[in-house]
N, C-alpha and C. Protein backbone atom coordinates (compact mmCIF):
# COMPACT_ATOMS: atom_id res chain seq x y z
N MET A 1 -141.10 -80.72 -70.56
CA MET A 1 -140.30 -80.76 -69.35
C MET A 1 -140.36 -79.38 -68.68
N PRO A 2 -140.58 -79.35 -67.38
CA PRO A 2 -140.68 -78.06 -66.68
C PRO A 2 -139.35 -77.30 -66.74
N LEU A 3 -139.46 -75.99 -66.71
CA LEU A 3 -138.25 -75.16 -66.69
C LEU A 3 -137.60 -75.24 -65.32
N PRO A 4 -136.26 -75.20 -65.28
CA PRO A 4 -135.58 -75.23 -63.98
C PRO A 4 -135.88 -73.97 -63.18
N ILE A 5 -135.88 -74.12 -61.88
CA ILE A 5 -136.09 -73.00 -60.96
C ILE A 5 -134.70 -72.46 -60.61
N THR A 6 -134.45 -71.20 -60.90
CA THR A 6 -133.13 -70.62 -60.67
C THR A 6 -133.08 -69.66 -59.49
N ASP A 7 -134.23 -69.35 -58.91
CA ASP A 7 -134.28 -68.46 -57.75
C ASP A 7 -135.37 -68.95 -56.80
N ILE A 8 -135.04 -68.99 -55.53
CA ILE A 8 -135.99 -69.51 -54.54
C ILE A 8 -137.30 -68.72 -54.54
N SER A 9 -137.25 -67.47 -54.96
CA SER A 9 -138.47 -66.65 -55.00
C SER A 9 -139.48 -67.15 -56.03
N GLN A 10 -139.06 -68.05 -56.93
CA GLN A 10 -139.98 -68.63 -57.91
C GLN A 10 -140.87 -69.71 -57.29
N LEU A 11 -140.56 -70.12 -56.07
CA LEU A 11 -141.31 -71.18 -55.40
C LEU A 11 -142.38 -70.59 -54.49
N ASP A 12 -143.49 -71.29 -54.40
CA ASP A 12 -144.58 -70.92 -53.49
C ASP A 12 -144.35 -71.68 -52.18
N VAL A 13 -144.05 -70.97 -51.11
CA VAL A 13 -143.76 -71.62 -49.83
C VAL A 13 -144.96 -72.37 -49.26
N ASN A 14 -146.15 -72.10 -49.77
CA ASN A 14 -147.35 -72.81 -49.30
C ASN A 14 -147.62 -74.07 -50.11
N GLU A 15 -146.86 -74.28 -51.16
CA GLU A 15 -147.03 -75.44 -52.03
C GLU A 15 -146.35 -76.66 -51.40
N SER A 16 -146.72 -77.85 -51.87
CA SER A 16 -146.08 -79.09 -51.44
C SER A 16 -145.24 -79.61 -52.60
N TYR A 17 -144.00 -80.01 -52.30
CA TYR A 17 -143.05 -80.41 -53.34
C TYR A 17 -142.55 -81.84 -53.11
N THR A 18 -141.97 -82.41 -54.16
CA THR A 18 -141.39 -83.75 -54.10
C THR A 18 -139.90 -83.67 -54.41
N TYR A 19 -139.22 -84.80 -54.25
CA TYR A 19 -137.80 -84.86 -54.59
C TYR A 19 -137.59 -84.59 -56.07
N ALA A 20 -138.53 -85.03 -56.91
CA ALA A 20 -138.44 -84.76 -58.35
C ALA A 20 -138.45 -83.25 -58.60
N ASP A 21 -139.28 -82.51 -57.88
CA ASP A 21 -139.28 -81.04 -57.99
C ASP A 21 -137.93 -80.48 -57.54
N TYR A 22 -137.48 -80.96 -56.40
CA TYR A 22 -136.24 -80.52 -55.77
C TYR A 22 -135.05 -80.62 -56.73
N LEU A 23 -135.04 -81.68 -57.53
CA LEU A 23 -133.94 -81.89 -58.47
C LEU A 23 -133.90 -80.84 -59.57
N LEU A 24 -135.00 -80.16 -59.81
CA LEU A 24 -135.05 -79.12 -60.84
C LEU A 24 -134.56 -77.76 -60.34
N TRP A 25 -134.41 -77.62 -59.04
CA TRP A 25 -134.04 -76.33 -58.47
C TRP A 25 -132.55 -76.09 -58.66
N GLN A 26 -132.22 -74.95 -59.24
CA GLN A 26 -130.83 -74.63 -59.56
C GLN A 26 -130.39 -73.32 -58.91
N PHE A 27 -130.74 -73.13 -57.66
CA PHE A 27 -130.31 -71.93 -56.96
C PHE A 27 -129.30 -72.32 -55.89
N GLU A 28 -128.56 -71.33 -55.42
CA GLU A 28 -127.47 -71.57 -54.47
C GLU A 28 -127.94 -71.85 -53.04
N GLU A 29 -129.06 -71.28 -52.66
CA GLU A 29 -129.53 -71.42 -51.28
C GLU A 29 -129.84 -72.89 -50.97
N ARG A 30 -129.36 -73.35 -49.80
CA ARG A 30 -129.63 -74.72 -49.40
C ARG A 30 -130.99 -74.80 -48.72
N VAL A 31 -131.75 -75.81 -49.12
CA VAL A 31 -133.09 -76.01 -48.56
C VAL A 31 -133.29 -77.49 -48.26
N GLU A 32 -134.27 -77.76 -47.44
CA GLU A 32 -134.71 -79.13 -47.17
C GLU A 32 -136.21 -79.19 -47.39
N LEU A 33 -136.68 -80.39 -47.67
CA LEU A 33 -138.12 -80.63 -47.77
C LEU A 33 -138.51 -81.52 -46.61
N ILE A 34 -139.52 -81.12 -45.87
CA ILE A 34 -140.06 -81.94 -44.79
C ILE A 34 -141.53 -82.14 -45.11
N ARG A 35 -141.88 -83.39 -45.44
CA ARG A 35 -143.26 -83.72 -45.84
C ARG A 35 -143.77 -82.77 -46.92
N GLY A 36 -142.89 -82.47 -47.87
CA GLY A 36 -143.27 -81.65 -49.01
C GLY A 36 -143.15 -80.16 -48.81
N LYS A 37 -142.93 -79.73 -47.58
CA LYS A 37 -142.83 -78.29 -47.29
C LYS A 37 -141.37 -77.84 -47.35
N LEU A 38 -141.17 -76.67 -47.90
CA LEU A 38 -139.85 -76.10 -48.11
C LEU A 38 -139.34 -75.40 -46.85
N PHE A 39 -138.12 -75.72 -46.45
CA PHE A 39 -137.47 -75.07 -45.31
C PHE A 39 -136.09 -74.60 -45.73
N ARG A 40 -135.83 -73.32 -45.52
CA ARG A 40 -134.50 -72.79 -45.78
C ARG A 40 -133.56 -73.27 -44.69
N MET A 41 -132.37 -73.63 -45.08
CA MET A 41 -131.37 -74.06 -44.10
C MET A 41 -130.59 -72.84 -43.62
N SER A 42 -130.02 -72.96 -42.45
CA SER A 42 -129.23 -71.85 -41.92
C SER A 42 -127.98 -71.67 -42.77
N PRO A 43 -127.38 -70.49 -42.69
CA PRO A 43 -126.16 -70.26 -43.46
C PRO A 43 -125.03 -71.19 -43.02
N ALA A 44 -123.90 -71.05 -43.64
CA ALA A 44 -122.75 -71.92 -43.34
C ALA A 44 -122.51 -71.99 -41.83
N PRO A 45 -122.24 -73.20 -41.33
CA PRO A 45 -122.02 -73.37 -39.89
C PRO A 45 -120.76 -72.64 -39.42
N ASN A 46 -120.77 -72.26 -38.15
CA ASN A 46 -119.62 -71.55 -37.59
C ASN A 46 -118.49 -72.53 -37.26
N THR A 47 -117.37 -71.99 -36.83
CA THR A 47 -116.18 -72.79 -36.57
C THR A 47 -116.43 -73.85 -35.50
N ARG A 48 -117.10 -73.49 -34.43
CA ARG A 48 -117.39 -74.45 -33.35
C ARG A 48 -118.21 -75.62 -33.87
N HIS A 49 -119.23 -75.31 -34.64
CA HIS A 49 -120.08 -76.34 -35.23
C HIS A 49 -119.24 -77.28 -36.10
N GLN A 50 -118.36 -76.71 -36.91
CA GLN A 50 -117.51 -77.52 -37.79
C GLN A 50 -116.58 -78.43 -36.99
N ARG A 51 -116.01 -77.90 -35.91
CA ARG A 51 -115.12 -78.73 -35.07
C ARG A 51 -115.88 -79.91 -34.47
N ILE A 52 -117.08 -79.65 -33.97
CA ILE A 52 -117.89 -80.71 -33.37
C ILE A 52 -118.25 -81.75 -34.42
N SER A 53 -118.66 -81.30 -35.59
CA SER A 53 -119.02 -82.22 -36.67
C SER A 53 -117.83 -83.08 -37.08
N HIS A 54 -116.67 -82.46 -37.18
CA HIS A 54 -115.45 -83.19 -37.54
C HIS A 54 -115.13 -84.24 -36.49
N GLU A 55 -115.21 -83.87 -35.21
CA GLU A 55 -114.91 -84.81 -34.12
C GLU A 55 -115.91 -85.97 -34.12
N LEU A 56 -117.19 -85.68 -34.34
CA LEU A 56 -118.19 -86.75 -34.42
C LEU A 56 -117.89 -87.70 -35.57
N ALA A 57 -117.52 -87.15 -36.72
CA ALA A 57 -117.18 -88.00 -37.87
C ALA A 57 -115.98 -88.88 -37.55
N PHE A 58 -114.98 -88.31 -36.87
CA PHE A 58 -113.79 -89.07 -36.49
C PHE A 58 -114.16 -90.21 -35.54
N GLN A 59 -114.97 -89.91 -34.51
CA GLN A 59 -115.37 -90.93 -33.55
C GLN A 59 -116.23 -92.02 -34.21
N LEU A 60 -117.11 -91.60 -35.10
CA LEU A 60 -117.92 -92.58 -35.84
C LEU A 60 -117.03 -93.48 -36.69
N GLU A 61 -116.04 -92.89 -37.33
CA GLU A 61 -115.10 -93.66 -38.16
C GLU A 61 -114.39 -94.72 -37.32
N LEU A 62 -113.93 -94.35 -36.13
CA LEU A 62 -113.28 -95.31 -35.23
C LEU A 62 -114.25 -96.42 -34.83
N PHE A 63 -115.46 -96.04 -34.47
CA PHE A 63 -116.46 -97.01 -34.02
C PHE A 63 -116.87 -97.97 -35.14
N LEU A 64 -116.97 -97.46 -36.35
CA LEU A 64 -117.47 -98.25 -37.48
C LEU A 64 -116.36 -98.87 -38.33
N ARG A 65 -115.13 -98.78 -37.87
CA ARG A 65 -113.97 -99.20 -38.66
C ARG A 65 -114.14 -100.57 -39.31
N LYS A 66 -114.67 -101.54 -38.61
CA LYS A 66 -114.78 -102.90 -39.15
C LYS A 66 -116.18 -103.21 -39.67
N GLN A 67 -116.96 -102.19 -39.86
CA GLN A 67 -118.33 -102.35 -40.36
C GLN A 67 -118.38 -101.92 -41.83
N PRO A 68 -119.36 -102.43 -42.57
CA PRO A 68 -119.48 -102.04 -43.99
C PRO A 68 -120.22 -100.71 -44.15
N CYS A 69 -119.86 -99.74 -43.34
CA CYS A 69 -120.58 -98.46 -43.32
C CYS A 69 -119.70 -97.35 -43.90
N GLN A 70 -120.38 -96.33 -44.41
CA GLN A 70 -119.70 -95.14 -44.91
C GLN A 70 -120.29 -93.92 -44.22
N ILE A 71 -119.44 -92.93 -43.98
CA ILE A 71 -119.88 -91.68 -43.37
C ILE A 71 -119.83 -90.59 -44.43
N PHE A 72 -120.91 -89.83 -44.52
CA PHE A 72 -120.99 -88.74 -45.48
C PHE A 72 -121.25 -87.44 -44.72
N SER A 73 -120.66 -86.36 -45.22
CA SER A 73 -120.86 -85.03 -44.64
C SER A 73 -121.72 -84.19 -45.56
N ALA A 74 -122.42 -83.23 -44.98
CA ALA A 74 -123.25 -82.30 -45.77
C ALA A 74 -122.35 -81.48 -46.70
N PRO A 75 -122.85 -81.09 -47.84
CA PRO A 75 -124.21 -81.35 -48.31
C PRO A 75 -124.32 -82.74 -48.94
N PHE A 76 -125.28 -83.50 -48.49
CA PHE A 76 -125.53 -84.85 -48.97
C PHE A 76 -127.02 -85.09 -48.78
N ASP A 77 -127.74 -85.25 -49.88
CA ASP A 77 -129.20 -85.43 -49.81
C ASP A 77 -129.57 -86.78 -49.21
N VAL A 78 -130.42 -86.75 -48.22
CA VAL A 78 -130.96 -87.97 -47.61
C VAL A 78 -132.47 -87.93 -47.82
N ARG A 79 -132.96 -88.90 -48.58
CA ARG A 79 -134.41 -88.98 -48.83
C ARG A 79 -135.03 -89.94 -47.83
N LEU A 80 -136.13 -89.54 -47.26
CA LEU A 80 -136.86 -90.37 -46.31
C LEU A 80 -138.21 -90.69 -46.92
N PRO A 81 -138.30 -91.81 -47.63
CA PRO A 81 -139.53 -92.13 -48.35
C PRO A 81 -140.68 -92.51 -47.42
N VAL A 82 -141.88 -92.14 -47.84
CA VAL A 82 -143.08 -92.56 -47.12
C VAL A 82 -143.86 -93.58 -47.94
N SER A 83 -143.45 -93.74 -49.20
CA SER A 83 -144.05 -94.78 -50.04
C SER A 83 -142.98 -95.35 -50.94
N LYS A 84 -143.27 -96.45 -51.58
CA LYS A 84 -142.30 -97.10 -52.46
C LYS A 84 -142.35 -96.54 -53.88
N ARG A 85 -143.26 -95.60 -54.13
CA ARG A 85 -143.39 -95.03 -55.47
C ARG A 85 -142.21 -94.11 -55.76
N LYS A 86 -141.44 -94.47 -56.74
CA LYS A 86 -140.25 -93.69 -57.11
C LYS A 86 -140.64 -92.28 -57.55
N GLY A 87 -139.89 -91.29 -57.08
CA GLY A 87 -140.15 -89.91 -57.46
C GLY A 87 -141.18 -89.21 -56.60
N HIS A 88 -141.74 -89.92 -55.63
CA HIS A 88 -142.77 -89.32 -54.78
C HIS A 88 -142.27 -89.01 -53.36
N ASP A 89 -140.96 -89.09 -53.17
CA ASP A 89 -140.41 -88.74 -51.86
C ASP A 89 -140.69 -87.27 -51.59
N THR A 90 -141.14 -86.98 -50.39
CA THR A 90 -141.46 -85.59 -50.04
C THR A 90 -140.61 -85.07 -48.89
N THR A 91 -139.69 -85.89 -48.40
CA THR A 91 -138.78 -85.43 -47.36
C THR A 91 -137.34 -85.65 -47.82
N VAL A 92 -136.62 -84.55 -47.93
CA VAL A 92 -135.21 -84.57 -48.34
C VAL A 92 -134.47 -83.65 -47.38
N VAL A 93 -133.53 -84.21 -46.63
CA VAL A 93 -132.79 -83.43 -45.66
C VAL A 93 -131.29 -83.52 -45.95
N GLN A 94 -130.53 -82.62 -45.35
CA GLN A 94 -129.08 -82.62 -45.48
C GLN A 94 -128.47 -82.55 -44.08
N PRO A 95 -128.41 -83.70 -43.41
CA PRO A 95 -127.84 -83.70 -42.06
C PRO A 95 -126.34 -83.39 -42.11
N ASP A 96 -125.81 -82.93 -41.00
CA ASP A 96 -124.37 -82.65 -40.95
C ASP A 96 -123.57 -83.91 -41.25
N LEU A 97 -124.00 -85.02 -40.67
CA LEU A 97 -123.35 -86.31 -40.90
C LEU A 97 -124.41 -87.36 -41.17
N CYS A 98 -124.04 -88.34 -41.97
CA CYS A 98 -124.96 -89.42 -42.30
C CYS A 98 -124.15 -90.71 -42.38
N VAL A 99 -124.62 -91.76 -41.74
CA VAL A 99 -123.97 -93.06 -41.80
C VAL A 99 -124.85 -93.99 -42.62
N ILE A 100 -124.26 -94.56 -43.66
CA ILE A 100 -124.97 -95.51 -44.52
C ILE A 100 -124.27 -96.86 -44.41
N CYS A 101 -125.00 -97.87 -43.97
CA CYS A 101 -124.43 -99.21 -43.83
C CYS A 101 -124.97 -100.18 -44.89
N ASP A 102 -125.95 -99.77 -45.64
CA ASP A 102 -126.53 -100.59 -46.70
C ASP A 102 -126.23 -99.91 -48.04
N PRO A 103 -125.27 -100.45 -48.83
CA PRO A 103 -124.92 -99.83 -50.11
C PRO A 103 -126.12 -99.69 -51.05
N GLY A 104 -127.15 -100.50 -50.87
CA GLY A 104 -128.35 -100.41 -51.69
C GLY A 104 -129.13 -99.13 -51.46
N LYS A 105 -128.82 -98.41 -50.40
CA LYS A 105 -129.50 -97.15 -50.09
C LYS A 105 -128.87 -95.95 -50.81
N LEU A 106 -127.73 -96.17 -51.45
CA LEU A 106 -127.04 -95.08 -52.16
C LEU A 106 -127.46 -95.06 -53.62
N ASP A 107 -127.55 -93.86 -54.18
CA ASP A 107 -127.85 -93.71 -55.61
C ASP A 107 -126.60 -94.00 -56.42
């Protein structure tokens, strides 16, 4: 079993990674994978950003009240598969808000 990655400097930014790789990373810095490429996320959002995100979540909650949907806030991993092969996802993002209406899409 590969050793866990504890510092982002242990990663090669020119390498291509999968969600399986991502799960081994044990460092504090938030990152996303886009088609296997590593992207550092910006630091914690400012107050204005947080207010807007909160208001959007509130409005979505009102709109979806009678729907079988759930709203999740970051950090929440969203995998965007390009194939059905488990463990080969190469895009993992952490949007500010995510609406899931199909419980089968949750781990």
